[in-house]
Amino acid sequence: MIWKQAVTAAHLNTVSRGTMVEHLGIVFTDVGADYVEASMPVDERTVQPFGILHGGASVALSESLGSMAAYLCIADPSKYTSVGVEILANHLRAVKSGTQVIGRATPVRVGRRIQVWNIDIRDGEERLVCTSRLTLAIVEQQ
């Protein structure tokens, strides 16, 4: 297991209350030995005017997953936190309103100062909707 902190999906949902994560309906569903998963509805909060999943919503799900995963790998979260530096997202398939998508963040590199995470988002039929790569810096708390 790569996590430096004991964690459950329920805990991640608790700390996400009152944030954009909650506003978009993102729900953390699983924490494995080296991954974090969450679901997001495709509804009025996350679609573009044409009724399909907004690319920005996919990026928000990706960054939420990768940032939370990076934070869980920090040895001393009272002194350090993770901040996004760059995200690259490839939108591969349209998803219509009325469904949900599932994202999974897995590590590419977990270093002391830089982390890179891959996030794949799939539809209900396990088809790849979006794949993202998120780079984060580990910085001292302000």
C-alpha atoms as a PDB file:
ATOM      1  CA  MET A   1       0.000   0.000   0.000  1.00  0.00           C
ATOM      2  CA  ILE A   2       1.315   3.441  -0.925  1.00  0.00           C
ATOM      3  CA  TRP A   3      -0.814   5.536   1.423  1.00  0.00           C
ATOM      4  CA  LYS A   4       0.887   7.286   4.321  1.00  0.00           C
ATOM      5  CA  GLN A   5      -2.461   7.818   6.088  1.00  0.00           C
ATOM      6  CA  ALA A   6      -5.279   5.461   7.015  1.00  0.00           C
ATOM      7  CA  VAL A   7      -8.168   6.292   4.702  1.00  0.00           C
ATOM      8  CA  THR A   8     -11.613   5.177   3.608  1.00  0.00           C
ATOM      9  CA  ALA A   9     -13.878   6.398   0.844  1.00  0.00           C
ATOM     10  CA  ALA A  10     -16.314   7.597   3.531  1.00  0.00           C
ATOM     11  CA  HIS A  11     -13.594   9.789   5.047  1.00  0.00           C
ATOM     12  CA  LEU A  12     -12.760  11.297   1.647  1.00  0.00           C
ATOM     13  CA  ASN A  13     -16.437  12.154   1.162  1.00  0.00           C
ATOM     14  CA  THR A  14     -16.557  13.771   4.611  1.00  0.00           C
ATOM     15  CA  VAL A  15     -13.584  16.049   3.931  1.00  0.00           C
ATOM     16  CA  SER A  16     -15.067  16.966   0.530  1.00  0.00           C
ATOM     17  CA  ARG A  17     -18.254  18.440   1.985  1.00  0.00           C
ATOM     18  CA  GLY A  18     -18.865  22.050   1.026  1.00  0.00           C
ATOM     19  CA  THR A  19     -16.406  21.949  -1.886  1.00  0.00           C
ATOM     20  CA  MET A  20     -16.690  21.771  -5.665  1.00  0.00           C
ATOM     21  CA  VAL A  21     -16.366  18.003  -5.297  1.00  0.00           C
ATOM     22  CA  GLU A  22     -19.677  17.860  -3.449  1.00  0.00           C
ATOM     23  CA  HIS A  23     -21.277  20.470  -5.732  1.00  0.00           C
ATOM     24  CA  LEU A  24     -20.559  18.358  -8.826  1.00  0.00           C
ATOM     25  CA  GLY A  25     -21.934  15.236  -7.132  1.00  0.00           C
ATOM     26  CA  ILE A  26     -18.564  13.485  -7.048  1.00  0.00           C
ATOM     27  CA  VAL A  27     -18.619  10.593  -4.573  1.00  0.00           C
ATOM     28  CA  PHE A  28     -15.503   8.668  -3.583  1.00  0.00           C
ATOM     29  CA  THR A  29     -16.401   4.990  -3.903  1.00  0.00           C
ATOM     30  CA  ASP A  30     -13.230   2.969  -3.310  1.00  0.00           C
ATOM     31  CA  VAL A  31      -9.667   3.216  -2.049  1.00  0.00           C
ATOM     32  CA  GLY A  32      -7.417   0.327  -3.036  1.00  0.00           C
ATOM     33  CA  ALA A  33      -3.788  -0.424  -2.283  1.00  0.00           C
ATOM     34  CA  ASP A  34      -2.637   1.990  -5.010  1.00  0.00           C
ATOM     35  CA  TYR A  35      -5.735   3.680  -6.437  1.00  0.00           C
ATOM     36  CA  VAL A  36      -8.645   5.966  -5.566  1.00  0.00           C
ATOM     37  CA  GLU A  37     -12.025   5.782  -7.326  1.00  0.00           C
ATOM     38  CA  ALA A  38     -14.980   8.141  -7.501  1.00  0.00           C
ATOM     39  CA  SER A  39     -18.212   8.462  -9.440  1.00  0.00           C
ATOM     40  CA  MET A  40     -19.774  11.587 -10.918  1.00  0.00           C
ATOM     41  CA  PRO A  41     -23.276  12.000 -12.333  1.00  0.00           C
ATOM     42  CA  VAL A  42     -23.811  13.217 -15.856  1.00  0.00           C
ATOM     43  CA  ASP A  43     -26.586  15.704 -15.080  1.00  0.00           C
ATOM     44  CA  GLU A  44     -27.407  19.426 -15.141  1.00  0.00           C
ATOM     45  CA  ARG A  45     -24.288  20.148 -13.037  1.00  0.00           C
ATOM     46  CA  THR A  46     -21.841  18.412 -15.358  1.00  0.00           C
ATOM     47  CA  VAL A  47     -23.159  18.637 -18.923  1.00  0.00           C
ATOM     48  CA  GLN A  48     -22.607  21.174 -21.668  1.00  0.00           C
ATOM     49  CA  PRO A  49     -25.638  22.827 -23.318  1.00  0.00           C
ATOM     50  CA  PHE A  50     -25.915  19.935 -25.789  1.00  0.00           C
ATOM     51  CA  GLY A  51     -26.642  17.377 -23.061  1.00  0.00           C
ATOM     52  CA  ILE A  52     -23.300  15.573 -23.002  1.00  0.00           C
ATOM     53  CA  LEU A  53     -20.607  15.453 -20.349  1.00  0.00           C
ATOM     54  CA  HIS A  54     -18.631  18.710 -20.235  1.00  0.00           C
ATOM     55  CA  GLY A  55     -14.888  18.259 -20.712  1.00  0.00           C
ATOM     56  CA  GLY A  56     -14.287  20.620 -17.794  1.00  0.00           C
ATOM     57  CA  ALA A  57     -16.319  18.349 -15.517  1.00  0.00           C
ATOM     58  CA  SER A  58     -14.131  15.409 -16.553  1.00  0.00           C
ATOM     59  CA  VAL A  59     -11.050  17.478 -15.741  1.00  0.00           C
ATOM     60  CA  ALA A  60     -12.562  18.460 -12.362  1.00  0.00           C
ATOM     61  CA  LEU A  61     -13.156  14.773 -11.568  1.00  0.00           C
ATOM     62  CA  SER A  62      -9.608  13.931 -12.681  1.00  0.00           C
ATOM     63  CA  GLU A  63      -8.007  16.678 -10.604  1.00  0.00           C
ATOM     64  CA  SER A  64     -10.151  15.817  -7.580  1.00  0.00           C
ATOM     65  CA  LEU A  65      -9.080  12.177  -7.719  1.00  0.00           C
ATOM     66  CA  GLY A  66      -5.408  12.846  -8.391  1.00  0.00           C
ATOM     67  CA  SER A  67      -5.127  15.592  -5.793  1.00  0.00           C
ATOM     68  CA  MET A  68      -6.730  13.458  -3.102  1.00  0.00           C
ATOM     69  CA  ALA A  69      -4.517  10.494  -3.976  1.00  0.00           C
ATOM     70  CA  ALA A  70      -1.395  12.674  -3.884  1.00  0.00           C
ATOM     71  CA  TYR A  71      -2.391  14.106  -0.516  1.00  0.00           C
ATOM     72  CA  LEU A  72      -2.765  10.587   0.900  1.00  0.00           C
ATOM     73  CA  CYS A  73       0.863   9.875  -0.068  1.00  0.00           C
ATOM     74  CA  ILE A  74       2.250  12.768   1.985  1.00  0.00           C
ATOM     75  CA  ALA A  75       4.084  11.555   5.072  1.00  0.00           C
ATOM     76  CA  ASP A  76       3.358  14.675   7.160  1.00  0.00           C
ATOM     77  CA  PRO A  77       0.135  16.388   5.990  1.00  0.00           C
ATOM     78  CA  SER A  78       0.337  18.841   8.890  1.00  0.00           C
ATOM     79  CA  LYS A  79       3.384  20.398   7.175  1.00  0.00           C
ATOM     80  CA  TYR A  80       2.850  19.636   3.458  1.00  0.00           C
ATOM     81  CA  THR A  81       0.035  19.599   0.920  1.00  0.00           C
ATOM     82  CA  SER A  82      -0.361  18.777  -2.767  1.00  0.00           C
ATOM     83  CA  VAL A  83      -1.120  21.370  -5.444  1.00  0.00           C
ATOM     84  CA  GLY A  84      -1.812  20.798  -9.105  1.00  0.00           C
ATOM     85  CA  VAL A  85       0.874  21.972 -11.524  1.00  0.00           C
ATOM     86  CA  GLU A  86      -0.377  20.633 -14.853  1.00  0.00           C
ATOM     87  CA  ILE A  87      -3.179  18.477 -16.185  1.00  0.00           C
ATOM     88  CA  LEU A  88      -3.536  16.994 -19.639  1.00  0.00           C
ATOM     89  CA  ALA A  89      -6.872  15.445 -20.574  1.00  0.00           C
ATOM     90  CA  ASN A  90      -7.889  13.556 -23.687  1.00  0.00           C
ATOM     91  CA  HIS A  91     -11.667  13.411 -24.150  1.00  0.00           C
ATOM     92  CA  LEU A  92     -12.351  10.212 -26.084  1.00  0.00           C
ATOM     93  CA  ARG A  93     -16.086   9.506 -25.958  1.00  0.00           C
ATOM     94  CA  ALA A  94     -19.272  11.493 -25.390  1.00  0.00           C
ATOM     95  CA  VAL A  95     -21.517  10.541 -22.479  1.00  0.00           C
ATOM     96  CA  LYS A  96     -25.175  11.585 -22.441  1.00  0.00           C
ATOM     97  CA  SER A  97     -27.037  13.036 -19.505  1.00  0.00           C
ATOM     98  CA  GLY A  98     -28.768  10.582 -17.192  1.00  0.00           C
ATOM     99  CA  THR A  99     -25.823   8.297 -16.514  1.00  0.00           C
ATOM    100  CA  GLN A 100     -22.704   8.433 -14.372  1.00  0.00           C
ATOM    101  CA  VAL A 101     -18.992   8.048 -14.948  1.00  0.00           C
ATOM    102  CA  ILE A 102     -16.361   6.398 -12.764  1.00  0.00           C
ATOM    103  CA  GLY A 103     -12.808   7.702 -12.434  1.00  0.00           C
ATOM    104  CA  ARG A 104      -9.760   5.877 -11.107  1.00  0.00           C
ATOM    105  CA  ALA A 105      -6.461   7.521 -10.184  1.00  0.00           C
ATOM    106  CA  THR A 106      -3.307   5.389 -10.248  1.00  0.00           C
ATOM    107  CA  PRO A 107       0.278   6.528  -9.613  1.00  0.00           C
ATOM    108  CA  VAL A 108       2.848   7.055 -12.322  1.00  0.00           C
ATOM    109  CA  ARG A 109       5.439   8.476  -9.900  1.00  0.00           C
ATOM    110  CA  VAL A 110       5.163   9.310  -6.219  1.00  0.00           C
ATOM    111  CA  GLY A 111       8.152  11.400  -5.182  1.00  0.00           C
ATOM    112  CA  ARG A 112       8.821  13.604  -2.164  1.00  0.00           C
ATOM    113  CA  ARG A 113       8.282  16.851  -4.116  1.00  0.00           C
ATOM    114  CA  ILE A 114       6.619  15.835  -7.415  1.00  0.00           C
ATOM    115  CA  GLN A 115       3.879  13.303  -8.062  1.00  0.00           C
ATOM    116  CA  VAL A 116       2.330  12.218 -11.363  1.00  0.00           C
ATOM    117  CA  TRP A 117      -1.032  10.433 -11.497  1.00  0.00           C
ATOM    118  CA  ASN A 118      -2.962   8.853 -14.355  1.00  0.00           C
ATOM    119  CA  ILE A 119      -6.743   9.151 -14.175  1.00  0.00           C
ATOM    120  CA  ASP A 120      -9.044   7.101 -16.414  1.00  0.00           C
ATOM    121  CA  ILE A 121     -12.748   7.912 -16.557  1.00  0.00           C
ATOM    122  CA  ARG A 122     -15.135   5.249 -17.863  1.00  0.00           C
ATOM    123  CA  ASP A 123     -18.847   5.105 -18.569  1.00  0.00           C
ATOM    124  CA  GLY A 124     -21.268   2.504 -17.224  1.00  0.00           C
ATOM    125  CA  GLU A 125     -20.247   0.085 -19.957  1.00  0.00           C
ATOM    126  CA  GLU A 126     -16.536   0.349 -18.979  1.00  0.00           C
ATOM    127  CA  ARG A 127     -15.714   2.347 -22.130  1.00  0.00           C
ATOM    128  CA  LEU A 128     -12.916   4.885 -21.749  1.00  0.00           C
ATOM    129  CA  VAL A 129     -14.388   8.401 -21.785  1.00  0.00           C
ATOM    130  CA  CYS A 130     -11.374  10.479 -20.758  1.00  0.00           C
ATOM    131  CA  THR A 131      -7.794   9.826 -19.771  1.00  0.00           C
ATOM    132  CA  SER A 132      -5.812  12.421 -17.853  1.00  0.00           C
ATOM    133  CA  ARG A 133      -2.308  12.875 -16.512  1.00  0.00           C
ATOM    134  CA  LEU A 134      -1.964  15.142 -13.482  1.00  0.00           C
ATOM    135  CA  THR A 135       1.325  16.519 -12.155  1.00  0.00           C
ATOM    136  CA  LEU A 136       1.344  17.816  -8.581  1.00  0.00           C
ATOM    137  CA  ALA A 137       3.893  19.583  -6.443  1.00  0.00           C
ATOM    138  CA  ILE A 138       4.239  18.780  -2.763  1.00  0.00           C
ATOM    139  CA  VAL A 139       4.650  22.118  -0.988  1.00  0.00           C
ATOM    140  CA  GLU A 140       4.833  23.392   2.564  1.00  0.00           C
ATOM    141  CA  GLN A 141       1.522  24.445   4.102  1.00  0.00           C
ATOM    142  CA  GLN A 142       1.106  28.232   4.175  1.00  0.00           C
END
